[in-house]
Protein backbone atom coordinates (compact mmCIF):
# COMPACT_ATOMS: atom_id res chain seq x y z
CA UNK A 1 -9.08 -5.13 2.82
CA UNK A 2 -6.21 -3.15 1.30
CA UNK A 3 -6.79 -0.45 -1.34
CA UNK A 4 -3.49 -1.31 -3.01
CA UNK A 5 -3.93 -5.03 -3.60
CA UNK A 6 -2.26 -5.89 -6.93
CA UNK A 7 -4.37 -9.03 -7.45
CA UNK A 8 -7.74 -7.25 -7.65
CA UNK A 9 -9.12 -6.73 -11.15
CA UNK A 10 -11.88 -4.77 -12.89
CA UNK A 11 -13.31 -4.80 -16.42
CA UNK A 12 -15.07 -1.74 -17.89
CA UNK A 13 -17.38 -1.57 -20.91
CA UNK A 14 -16.42 1.92 -22.10
CA UNK A 15 -19.36 2.40 -24.48
CA UNK A 16 -21.88 1.51 -21.76
CA UNK A 17 -19.96 3.70 -19.29
CA UNK A 18 -20.47 6.73 -21.56
CA UNK A 19 -24.20 5.99 -21.69
CA UNK A 20 -24.76 5.55 -17.95
CA UNK A 21 -22.45 8.10 -16.29
CA UNK A 22 -24.10 11.50 -15.82
CA UNK A 23 -22.80 15.00 -15.09
CA UNK A 24 -25.16 17.71 -13.84
CA UNK A 25 -24.42 21.43 -13.83
CA UNK A 26 -26.57 22.54 -10.90
CA UNK A 27 -25.45 26.17 -11.11
CA UNK A 28 -23.44 27.22 -14.17
CA UNK A 29 -20.10 28.95 -13.62
CA UNK A 30 -20.61 32.55 -12.46
CA UNK A 31 -17.86 35.18 -12.24
CA UNK A 32 -18.02 38.17 -9.89
CA UNK A 33 -15.71 41.08 -9.18
CA UNK A 34 -15.69 44.25 -7.14
CA UNK A 35 -13.29 47.11 -6.46
CA UNK A 36 -12.77 48.67 -3.04
CA UNK A 37 -12.91 52.44 -3.56
CA UNK A 38 -10.62 53.34 -0.62
CA UNK A 39 -7.78 50.90 -1.28
CA UNK A 40 -8.27 50.35 -5.02
CA UNK A 41 -8.06 46.59 -4.42
CA UNK A 42 -9.95 44.45 -6.90
CA UNK A 43 -11.54 41.19 -5.68
CA UNK A 44 -12.59 38.28 -7.87
CA UNK A 45 -14.81 35.30 -7.13
CA UNK A 46 -16.41 32.45 -9.00
CA UNK A 47 -19.14 30.03 -8.02
CA UNK A 48 -20.58 26.82 -9.44
CA UNK A 49 -22.35 23.66 -8.33
CA UNK A 50 -21.93 20.31 -10.07
CA UNK A 51 -23.03 16.77 -9.41
CA UNK A 52 -22.18 13.40 -10.88
CA UNK A 53 -23.47 9.89 -10.66
CA UNK A 54 -24.72 6.98 -12.68
CA UNK A 55 -28.05 5.60 -13.81
CA UNK A 56 -26.80 2.02 -14.08
CA UNK A 57 -23.66 0.48 -12.58
CA UNK A 58 -23.53 -2.66 -14.74
CA UNK A 59 -20.80 -1.32 -17.06
CA UNK A 60 -18.09 -2.35 -14.59
CA UNK A 61 -17.37 -5.69 -12.94
CA UNK A 62 -14.52 -6.60 -10.65
CA UNK A 63 -13.18 -9.10 -8.20
CA UNK A 64 -11.41 -8.66 -4.87
CA UNK A 65 -8.90 -11.50 -4.82
CA UNK A 66 -7.94 -12.73 -1.36
């Protein structure tokens, strides 16, 4: 099966898609910084964890045409 088949088609119900897709912020965005005293170099870091998924997949239907 080819990922670039031009005959394949999909239909999406956008209102149902907005109801059933979910986004989870596991760890909110955190910013950190520190300065090295000897070299006066400042370091920056950020950290976050997210997840996504769906509670129901029936908002999309498609066909793989052969």
